[in-house]
Protein backbone atom coordinates (compact mmCIF):
# COMPACT_ATOMS: atom_id res chain seq x y z
CA UNK A 1 18.05 -1.51 -14.77
CA UNK A 2 15.70 -4.61 -15.37
CA UNK A 3 15.23 -5.28 -11.51
CA UNK A 4 14.33 -1.83 -10.70
CA UNK A 5 10.67 -2.16 -11.50
CA UNK A 6 10.43 -5.59 -10.11
CA UNK A 7 11.71 -4.58 -6.47
CA UNK A 8 9.56 -1.37 -6.60
CA UNK A 9 7.00 -2.48 -4.22
CA UNK A 10 9.14 -3.73 -1.69
CA UNK A 11 10.37 -0.16 -0.27
CA UNK A 12 6.65 0.73 0.13
CA UNK A 13 5.99 -2.10 2.62
CA UNK A 14 6.85 -0.47 6.11
CA UNK A 15 4.47 1.62 8.21
CA UNK A 16 6.71 4.73 7.63
CA UNK A 17 6.60 4.53 4.01
CA UNK A 18 3.33 2.44 3.20
CA UNK A 19 1.92 1.95 -0.31
CA UNK A 20 0.29 -0.74 -1.65
CA UNK A 21 0.40 -2.42 -3.72
CA UNK A 22 0.96 -3.30 -7.45
CA UNK A 23 0.25 0.25 -8.88
CA UNK A 24 3.81 1.50 -8.71
CA UNK A 25 5.09 -0.71 -11.23
CA UNK A 26 7.18 0.61 -13.85
CA UNK A 27 5.16 2.12 -16.71
CA UNK A 28 4.98 1.09 -20.39
CA UNK A 29 7.30 3.25 -22.38
CA UNK A 30 4.89 5.78 -23.92
CA UNK A 31 5.79 9.51 -24.44
CA UNK A 32 2.92 11.54 -23.12
CA UNK A 33 1.94 15.06 -21.58
CA UNK A 34 2.10 16.32 -18.01
CA UNK A 35 -0.59 15.16 -15.96
CA UNK A 36 -2.99 17.84 -14.05
CA UNK A 37 -1.35 19.16 -10.84
CA UNK A 38 -3.07 21.02 -8.25
CA UNK A 39 -1.33 24.37 -7.22
CA UNK A 40 1.05 23.46 -4.32
CA UNK A 41 1.66 26.29 -1.48
CA UNK A 42 4.76 26.30 0.54
CA UNK A 43 4.22 24.68 3.84
CA UNK A 44 6.34 25.69 6.70
CA UNK A 45 7.66 22.84 9.13
CA UNK A 46 5.39 24.40 11.97
CA UNK A 47 2.13 23.69 10.10
CA UNK A 48 2.85 20.19 8.98
CA UNK A 49 0.41 17.58 10.35
CA UNK A 50 3.12 14.85 10.20
CA UNK A 51 6.62 14.70 11.29
CA UNK A 52 9.72 14.19 9.18
CA UNK A 53 11.61 11.09 9.30
CA UNK A 54 14.72 12.62 10.63
CA UNK A 55 14.32 14.03 14.40
CA UNK A 56 14.77 17.81 15.22
CA UNK A 57 18.28 18.98 14.45
CA UNK A 58 18.87 19.26 18.17
CA UNK A 59 18.21 15.61 18.59
CA UNK A 60 19.97 14.19 15.42
CA UNK A 61 23.22 13.03 17.05
CA UNK A 62 23.02 9.91 18.61
CA UNK A 63 26.76 10.05 19.80
CA UNK A 64 28.23 11.77 22.80
CA UNK A 65 31.62 13.65 22.74
CA UNK A 66 32.91 10.49 24.31
CA UNK A 67 31.69 8.42 21.41
CA UNK A 68 34.67 8.27 19.11
CA UNK A 69 34.13 6.92 15.39
CA UNK A 70 37.57 6.99 14.17
CA UNK A 71 39.52 6.95 17.46
CA UNK A 72 40.20 10.52 17.39
CA UNK A 73 37.20 12.53 16.37
CA UNK A 74 33.80 12.71 18.07
CA UNK A 75 30.60 12.46 16.17
CA UNK A 76 29.01 15.62 14.98
CA UNK A 77 27.42 17.75 17.51
CA UNK A 78 24.17 19.34 15.81
CA UNK A 79 22.40 21.21 18.83
CA UNK A 80 21.59 24.62 17.70
CA UNK A 81 22.52 23.98 14.11
CA UNK A 82 20.41 23.58 10.95
CA UNK A 83 22.54 20.87 9.56
CA UNK A 84 25.16 18.55 11.23
CA UNK A 85 28.89 19.01 10.69
CA UNK A 86 29.72 16.58 7.70
CA UNK A 87 31.64 13.47 8.44
CA UNK A 88 35.10 12.82 7.00
CA UNK A 89 35.69 9.95 4.50
CA UNK A 90 37.53 8.07 7.30
CA UNK A 91 34.50 8.52 9.72
CA UNK A 92 31.97 7.32 6.88
CA UNK A 93 34.10 4.54 6.13
CA UNK A 94 34.31 3.46 9.85
CA UNK A 95 30.78 3.81 10.32
CA UNK A 96 30.09 1.90 7.25
CA UNK A 97 32.15 -1.10 8.76
CA UNK A 98 30.00 -1.11 11.88
CA UNK A 99 27.07 -0.97 9.72
CA UNK A 100 28.24 -4.03 7.65
CA UNK A 101 29.56 -6.06 10.51
CA UNK A 102 28.10 -5.21 13.67
CA UNK A 103 26.00 -8.18 15.06
CA UNK A 104 23.99 -6.18 17.49
CA UNK A 105 20.88 -4.89 15.71
CA UNK A 106 20.78 -1.73 18.10
CA UNK A 107 24.30 -0.78 17.58
CA UNK A 108 24.00 -1.54 13.89
CA UNK A 109 20.93 0.78 13.65
CA UNK A 110 22.99 3.29 15.75
CA UNK A 111 25.74 3.28 13.31
CA UNK A 112 23.19 4.10 10.27
CA UNK A 113 21.65 6.58 12.06
CA UNK A 114 25.06 8.30 12.92
CA UNK A 115 25.79 8.26 9.15
CA UNK A 116 22.43 10.35 8.36
CA UNK A 117 23.36 12.69 11.19
CA UNK A 118 26.74 13.65 9.38
CA UNK A 119 25.22 13.39 5.98
CA UNK A 120 25.19 16.54 3.40
CA UNK A 121 24.44 17.25 0.18
CA UNK A 122 28.32 17.10 -0.56
CA UNK A 123 28.93 13.78 1.03
CA UNK A 124 25.78 11.96 0.31
CA UNK A 125 27.03 9.89 -2.63
CA UNK A 126 29.82 8.70 -0.36
CA UNK A 127 27.75 7.51 2.30
CA UNK A 128 25.32 5.80 -0.26
CA UNK A 129 28.40 3.40 -0.92
CA UNK A 130 27.96 2.21 2.63
CA UNK A 131 24.53 1.21 2.32
CA UNK A 132 24.32 0.16 -1.50
CA UNK A 133 24.76 -3.45 -0.42
CA UNK A 134 21.46 -3.46 1.41
CA UNK A 135 18.23 -5.05 0.11
CA UNK A 136 15.98 -2.41 -1.45
CA UNK A 137 13.27 -3.37 0.99
CA UNK A 138 15.27 -2.76 4.05
CA UNK A 139 14.41 0.26 6.34
CA UNK A 140 17.90 1.45 6.11
CA UNK A 141 17.87 1.65 2.32
CA UNK A 142 14.86 3.36 2.12
CA UNK A 143 15.38 5.67 4.88
CA UNK A 144 18.81 6.73 3.48
CA UNK A 145 17.29 7.71 0.10
CA UNK A 146 14.20 9.44 1.81
CA UNK A 147 16.98 11.67 3.93
CA UNK A 148 18.83 12.15 0.88
CA UNK A 149 15.82 13.54 -1.10
CA UNK A 150 14.90 15.91 1.83
CA UNK A 151 18.04 17.70 1.59
CA UNK A 152 19.25 17.29 -2.04
CA UNK A 153 15.76 17.20 -3.90
CA UNK A 154 16.15 16.30 -7.77
CA UNK A 155 19.91 15.49 -7.52
CA UNK A 156 18.88 12.55 -5.24
CA UNK A 157 16.05 11.43 -7.27
CA UNK A 158 18.09 11.50 -10.59
CA UNK A 159 21.03 9.50 -9.21
CA UNK A 160 18.73 6.53 -9.07
CA UNK A 161 17.90 6.52 -12.56
CA UNK A 162 21.06 4.50 -13.47
CA UNK A 163 20.71 2.26 -10.41
CA UNK A 164 19.01 -1.39 -10.34
CA UNK A 165 17.26 -0.73 -7.08
CA UNK A 166 14.05 1.25 -6.73
CA UNK A 167 15.74 4.18 -4.74
CA UNK A 168 13.76 6.98 -6.88
CA UNK A 169 10.85 6.62 -5.14
CA UNK A 170 12.11 7.02 -1.46
CA UNK A 171 14.13 10.16 -2.44
CA UNK A 172 11.03 11.68 -4.19
CA UNK A 173 9.04 10.79 -1.12
CA UNK A 174 11.64 12.76 0.98
CA UNK A 175 11.99 15.60 -1.40
CA UNK A 176 7.88 16.14 -1.68
CA UNK A 177 7.76 15.90 2.35
CA UNK A 178 10.48 18.82 2.79
CA UNK A 179 9.72 20.96 0.11
CA UNK A 180 6.35 20.15 -1.86
CA UNK A 181 6.33 23.34 -4.01
CA UNK A 182 9.60 22.64 -5.51
CA UNK A 183 9.04 19.15 -5.79
CA UNK A 184 5.79 19.53 -7.62
CA UNK A 185 7.02 22.01 -10.08
CA UNK A 186 9.81 19.61 -11.03
CA UNK A 187 7.57 16.79 -11.15
CA UNK A 188 5.23 18.92 -13.34
CA UNK A 189 7.58 19.29 -15.88
CA UNK A 190 8.48 15.72 -16.46
CA UNK A 191 6.91 13.75 -19.39
CA UNK A 192 4.08 11.54 -18.29
CA UNK A 193 5.66 8.55 -19.47
CA UNK A 194 9.13 7.90 -21.26
CA UNK A 195 11.74 5.15 -21.80
CA UNK A 196 13.57 6.33 -18.85
CA UNK A 197 12.69 6.12 -15.33
CA UNK A 198 12.56 9.96 -14.71
CA UNK A 199 8.66 10.24 -15.58
CA UNK A 200 5.50 11.05 -13.92
CA UNK A 201 4.05 7.69 -14.06
CA UNK A 202 7.12 5.92 -12.36
CA UNK A 203 7.76 8.73 -9.79
CA UNK A 204 3.97 9.36 -8.61
CA UNK A 205 3.88 6.95 -5.67
CA UNK A 206 6.76 8.78 -4.28
CA UNK A 207 5.37 11.96 -4.88
CA UNK A 208 2.16 11.10 -3.24
CA UNK A 209 3.68 9.52 -0.16
CA UNK A 210 5.68 12.74 0.35
CA UNK A 211 2.90 15.06 -0.16
CA UNK A 212 0.97 12.87 2.43
CA UNK A 213 3.68 13.01 5.19
CA UNK A 214 3.98 16.84 4.46
CA UNK A 215 0.32 17.77 4.40
CA UNK A 216 -2.64 15.54 3.69
CA UNK A 217 -4.59 18.50 2.02
CA UNK A 218 -1.82 18.89 -0.17
CA UNK A 219 -1.86 15.05 -1.03
CA UNK A 220 -5.62 14.86 -1.23
CA UNK A 221 -5.74 17.74 -3.85
CA UNK A 222 -3.03 16.02 -6.13
CA UNK A 223 -4.79 12.80 -6.04
CA UNK A 224 -8.13 14.31 -6.98
CA UNK A 225 -6.25 16.30 -9.85
CA UNK A 226 -5.00 12.83 -10.99
CA UNK A 227 -8.28 11.37 -11.12
CA UNK A 228 -9.68 14.44 -13.18
CA UNK A 229 -6.98 13.82 -15.61
CA UNK A 230 -7.84 10.01 -15.98
CA UNK A 231 -5.57 8.33 -13.83
CA UNK A 232 -7.26 5.04 -13.09
CA UNK A 233 -4.90 4.39 -10.23
CA UNK A 234 -6.18 7.45 -8.12
CA UNK A 235 -8.13 5.22 -5.81
CA UNK A 236 -5.09 3.43 -4.69
CA UNK A 237 -3.30 6.93 -4.17
CA UNK A 238 -6.15 7.95 -1.87
CA UNK A 239 -5.44 4.85 0.11
CA UNK A 240 -1.98 5.99 0.74
CA UNK A 241 -3.10 9.49 1.99
CA UNK A 242 -5.82 7.49 4.35
CA UNK A 243 -2.84 5.37 5.61
CA UNK A 244 -0.98 8.47 6.60
CA UNK A 245 -3.96 9.99 8.31
CA UNK A 246 -4.62 6.87 10.19
CA UNK A 247 -0.90 6.74 11.36
CA UNK A 248 -0.38 10.23 12.03
CA UNK A 249 -3.85 11.28 13.45
CA UNK A 250 -5.63 8.18 14.37
CA UNK A 251 -9.03 6.58 13.52
CA UNK A 252 -11.26 9.24 14.72
CA UNK A 253 -9.79 11.99 12.58
CA UNK A 254 -9.40 9.57 9.64
CA UNK A 255 -13.19 8.79 9.82
CA UNK A 256 -14.04 12.63 10.18
CA UNK A 257 -11.81 13.32 6.89
CA UNK A 258 -13.07 10.53 4.93
CA UNK A 259 -16.65 11.51 5.53
CA UNK A 260 -15.95 14.82 4.40
CA UNK A 261 -14.79 13.92 0.92
CA UNK A 262 -16.91 14.18 -1.94
CA UNK A 263 -18.83 11.10 -2.57
CA UNK A 264 -17.62 8.95 -5.15
CA UNK A 265 -15.08 6.39 -6.09
CA UNK A 266 -12.20 8.29 -4.23
CA UNK A 267 -14.20 8.61 -1.06
CA UNK A 268 -15.07 4.99 -1.49
CA UNK A 269 -11.36 4.18 -1.36
CA UNK A 270 -10.72 6.33 1.56
CA UNK A 271 -13.65 4.76 3.87
CA UNK A 272 -12.99 1.24 2.74
CA UNK A 273 -9.30 1.78 4.33
CA UNK A 274 -10.81 3.43 7.27
CA UNK A 275 -13.22 0.45 7.65
CA UNK A 276 -10.43 -2.10 7.62
CA UNK A 277 -8.82 -0.45 10.67
CA UNK A 278 -12.06 0.41 12.38
CA UNK A 279 -13.65 -3.03 11.94
CA UNK A 280 -10.25 -4.71 13.38
CA UNK A 281 -10.23 -2.77 16.63
CA UNK A 282 -14.33 -2.50 16.98
CA UNK A 283 -16.27 -4.47 14.76
CA UNK A 284 -19.57 -3.65 16.06
CA UNK A 285 -18.78 0.07 16.41
CA UNK A 286 -17.62 -0.46 12.68
CA UNK A 287 -20.78 -2.18 11.62
CA UNK A 288 -23.13 0.65 13.16
CA UNK A 289 -20.93 3.38 11.57
CA UNK A 290 -20.99 1.52 8.29
CA UNK A 291 -24.62 1.05 7.94
CA UNK A 292 -24.94 4.82 6.80
CA UNK A 293 -23.27 3.91 3.55
CA UNK A 294 -25.90 0.86 2.70
CA UNK A 295 -27.38 1.45 -0.63
CA UNK A 296 -24.97 4.37 -1.80
CA UNK A 297 -23.66 4.19 -5.34
CA UNK A 298 -19.70 3.74 -4.31
CA UNK A 299 -19.58 2.82 -0.71
CA UNK A 300 -20.86 -0.87 -0.48
CA UNK A 301 -17.21 -1.66 -0.30
CA UNK A 302 -17.39 -0.23 3.09
CA UNK A 303 -19.95 -2.89 4.20
CA UNK A 304 -18.15 -5.52 2.45
CA UNK A 305 -14.85 -4.59 4.28
CA UNK A 306 -16.65 -4.77 7.68
CA UNK A 307 -18.09 -7.76 7.17
CA UNK A 308 -14.88 -9.41 5.99
CA UNK A 309 -12.72 -8.17 8.80
CA UNK A 310 -15.49 -8.85 11.56
CA UNK A 311 -15.74 -12.29 10.25
CA UNK A 312 -12.11 -13.05 10.88
CA UNK A 313 -12.80 -12.22 14.38
CA UNK A 314 -16.46 -13.76 14.94
CA UNK A 315 -17.81 -15.09 11.66
CA UNK A 316 -21.22 -15.91 12.86
CA UNK A 317 -21.65 -12.55 14.51
CA UNK A 318 -20.66 -11.10 10.91
CA UNK A 319 -22.87 -13.34 8.98
CA UNK A 320 -25.90 -12.21 11.27
CA UNK A 321 -25.07 -8.66 10.88
CA UNK A 322 -24.77 -8.98 7.15
CA UNK A 323 -28.12 -10.84 6.91
CA UNK A 324 -29.94 -7.85 8.98
CA UNK A 325 -29.15 -5.20 6.54
CA UNK A 326 -31.55 -3.95 3.94
CA UNK A 327 -31.71 -5.36 0.67
CA UNK A 328 -28.66 -3.86 -1.07
CA UNK A 329 -25.42 -4.58 -2.94
CA UNK A 330 -23.86 -3.80 0.35
CA UNK A 331 -25.65 -6.53 1.90
CA UNK A 332 -24.87 -9.05 -0.90
CA UNK A 333 -21.05 -8.29 -0.52
CA UNK A 334 -20.96 -8.58 3.22
CA UNK A 335 -22.58 -11.93 3.21
CA UNK A 336 -20.01 -13.01 0.51
CA UNK A 337 -17.01 -11.41 2.36
CA UNK A 338 -18.32 -12.85 5.84
CA UNK A 339 -18.62 -16.17 4.27
CA UNK A 340 -15.07 -16.04 2.36
CA UNK A 341 -13.22 -15.46 5.88
CA UNK A 342 -15.40 -18.29 7.41
CA UNK A 343 -15.01 -20.64 4.68
CA UNK A 344 -11.03 -20.17 4.95
CA UNK A 345 -11.15 -20.55 8.70
CA UNK A 346 -13.71 -22.95 9.44
CA UNK A 347 -15.36 -24.68 6.47
CA UNK A 348 -17.27 -27.46 8.12
CA UNK A 349 -19.18 -25.08 10.36
CA UNK A 350 -19.53 -22.51 7.49
CA UNK A 351 -20.99 -25.07 4.92
CA UNK A 352 -23.34 -26.47 7.68
CA UNK A 353 -25.23 -22.99 7.98
CA UNK A 354 -25.31 -23.02 4.29
CA UNK A 355 -27.01 -26.14 3.98
CA UNK A 356 -29.43 -25.09 6.32
CA UNK A 357 -30.38 -21.83 4.25
CA UNK A 358 -33.43 -22.12 1.95
CA UNK A 359 -32.97 -21.04 -1.62
CA UNK A 360 -32.55 -17.60 -1.97
CA UNK A 361 -30.18 -14.74 -2.98
CA UNK A 362 -28.60 -14.77 0.47
CA UNK A 363 -27.73 -18.48 -0.02
CA UNK A 364 -26.12 -17.72 -3.50
CA UNK A 365 -24.14 -15.02 -2.01
CA UNK A 366 -22.97 -17.24 0.84
CA UNK A 367 -22.08 -19.95 -1.53
CA UNK A 368 -20.12 -17.48 -3.66
CA UNK A 369 -18.23 -16.08 -0.73
CA UNK A 370 -17.49 -19.46 0.79
CA UNK A 371 -15.96 -20.97 -2.22
CA UNK A 372 -13.44 -17.89 -2.57
CA UNK A 373 -12.26 -18.97 1.11
CA UNK A 374 -12.02 -22.67 0.38
CA UNK A 375 -10.84 -22.63 -3.16
CA UNK A 376 -7.21 -22.17 -2.11
CA UNK A 377 -7.34 -25.25 0.24
CA UNK A 378 -10.02 -27.77 -1.55
CA UNK A 379 -10.72 -26.59 -5.08
CA UNK A 380 -12.61 -29.83 -5.95
CA UNK A 381 -14.99 -29.26 -3.12
CA UNK A 382 -15.29 -25.49 -4.06
CA UNK A 383 -16.17 -26.40 -7.74
CA UNK A 384 -18.82 -28.76 -6.47
CA UNK A 385 -20.27 -26.08 -4.32
CA UNK A 386 -20.18 -23.49 -7.05
CA UNK A 387 -22.67 -25.59 -9.04
CA UNK A 388 -25.17 -25.29 -6.59
CA UNK A 389 -25.63 -21.34 -7.20
CA UNK A 390 -28.93 -20.91 -8.57
CA UNK A 391 -28.08 -17.42 -10.60
CA UNK A 392 -26.53 -18.42 -13.95
CA UNK A 393 -24.05 -15.38 -14.17
CA UNK A 394 -23.06 -15.74 -10.59
CA UNK A 395 -22.84 -19.58 -10.96
CA UNK A 396 -20.44 -19.30 -14.14
CA UNK A 397 -18.48 -16.62 -12.29
CA UNK A 398 -17.86 -18.84 -9.12
CA UNK A 399 -16.85 -22.08 -11.15
CA UNK A 400 -14.65 -20.11 -13.58
CA UNK A 401 -12.73 -18.84 -9.77
CA UNK A 402 -12.76 -22.00 -8.22
CA UNK A 403 -11.95 -24.13 -11.70
CA UNK A 404 -8.88 -22.18 -12.11
CA UNK A 405 -7.51 -23.28 -8.52
CA UNK A 406 -8.51 -26.52 -9.28
CA UNK A 407 -6.47 -26.71 -12.67
CA UNK A 408 -3.51 -25.14 -10.66
CA UNK A 409 -3.65 -27.92 -8.21
CA UNK A 410 -4.79 -31.11 -10.27
CA UNK A 411 -4.72 -30.46 -14.15
CA UNK A 412 -5.81 -33.84 -15.21
CA UNK A 413 -8.68 -34.11 -12.78
CA UNK A 414 -9.71 -30.56 -13.55
CA UNK A 415 -9.75 -31.38 -17.40
CA UNK A 416 -11.95 -34.18 -16.68
CA UNK A 417 -14.30 -31.99 -14.61
CA UNK A 418 -14.39 -29.32 -17.39
CA UNK A 419 -15.86 -31.67 -19.93
CA UNK A 420 -19.08 -31.98 -17.80
CA UNK A 421 -18.89 -28.63 -16.08
CA UNK A 422 -21.42 -26.97 -18.20
CA UNK A 423 -19.43 -24.05 -18.69
CA UNK A 424 -19.21 -22.30 -21.98
CA UNK A 425 -16.26 -22.70 -24.26
CA UNK A 426 -15.03 -19.39 -23.70
CA UNK A 427 -15.41 -20.19 -19.83
CA UNK A 428 -13.34 -23.41 -20.01
CA UNK A 429 -10.47 -21.30 -21.97
CA UNK A 430 -10.38 -18.99 -18.76
CA UNK A 431 -10.24 -22.07 -16.55
CA UNK A 432 -7.49 -23.53 -18.54
CA UNK A 433 -5.45 -20.38 -18.57
CA UNK A 434 -5.41 -19.79 -14.77
CA UNK A 435 -2.56 -17.31 -14.99
CA UNK A 436 -4.38 -15.17 -17.45
CA UNK A 437 -5.66 -11.67 -15.85
């Protein structure tokens, strides 16, 4: 069981079930109250913005009547049926052997899809035995539990509470994508946190993912409710919803939707994620779009993201654009982000432009970004340049960041540097503990 929370991020890494990043770790044991939930309506299949992982019933069987699984029985034929005919134990075993030993990746995937095509609530556990050996970050492992969640709901979710792999999240996502009202009612009755994995904090990533697949409006309402209840991870949940729109509806619709959100931190998260895709496909168009957010309270991140992504494609152009913006936090962060990319990709050229800059706020932000990109590769050079920042607070922050990399790479030399760095005792302690958050 100790491994479940360590592997939890892996199942979220593929495009079909995308989360980010770090917020889905197993919560600390702490009993609490149920979080605020929006009123979820039942949504018919025809009203969904996204399609389910499994194809329509008429298309689920990948076999023909000539394709024999056990030498005598054809694969289930599902045309016109709400669910496929269940596999027998012998057929499940034979398909499982093909899944384990087939070298051809297409045939291996075909065997897996055949297992799903003959899966029912009654035989799901038997089929799970055939995929239990797979890594938890494999598409087949995730997709099986997602499909099981779609047909079995709580039964599929609860099956994972005693298994070492993070299968509960995929099952929760499948259930919420198929029957959001039932999933939300069950989810709302759980404790916020508990000693077991069956609690809201642990299962929330799967809930958000499933709602986003079913109906982005439901998912958006859910995220705003979590933010209102004080969940600090609501911004990360909004990124999940945004990615669902980008994948299912495209960039133009994601732009329209994100701009329609109430201004604030959640909108900033959505716009930031949209800016990433926009800037990687059309940096000049993204830059023109992003300028409407210059100076807004929460949305400087959009400017920063465009500057960062554009610099990855054309750093001089990104720096020129950032420098053309009106004075604001957005301008400052765009300059830092662009120089961060430039410093990592072409530090010699990047530093030459900084040398030619007169003392200014722009130069400080350029150095601040530059050392962020350089510190991983040349931390000693990074700390030397950090000392060139004229703003005292920014200089200390930059020295600490670069110094941590220096300490990891060459502890003895870093200790010598610290003695003459001019950093406060507290800042030196931060450098000497580079793994501390």
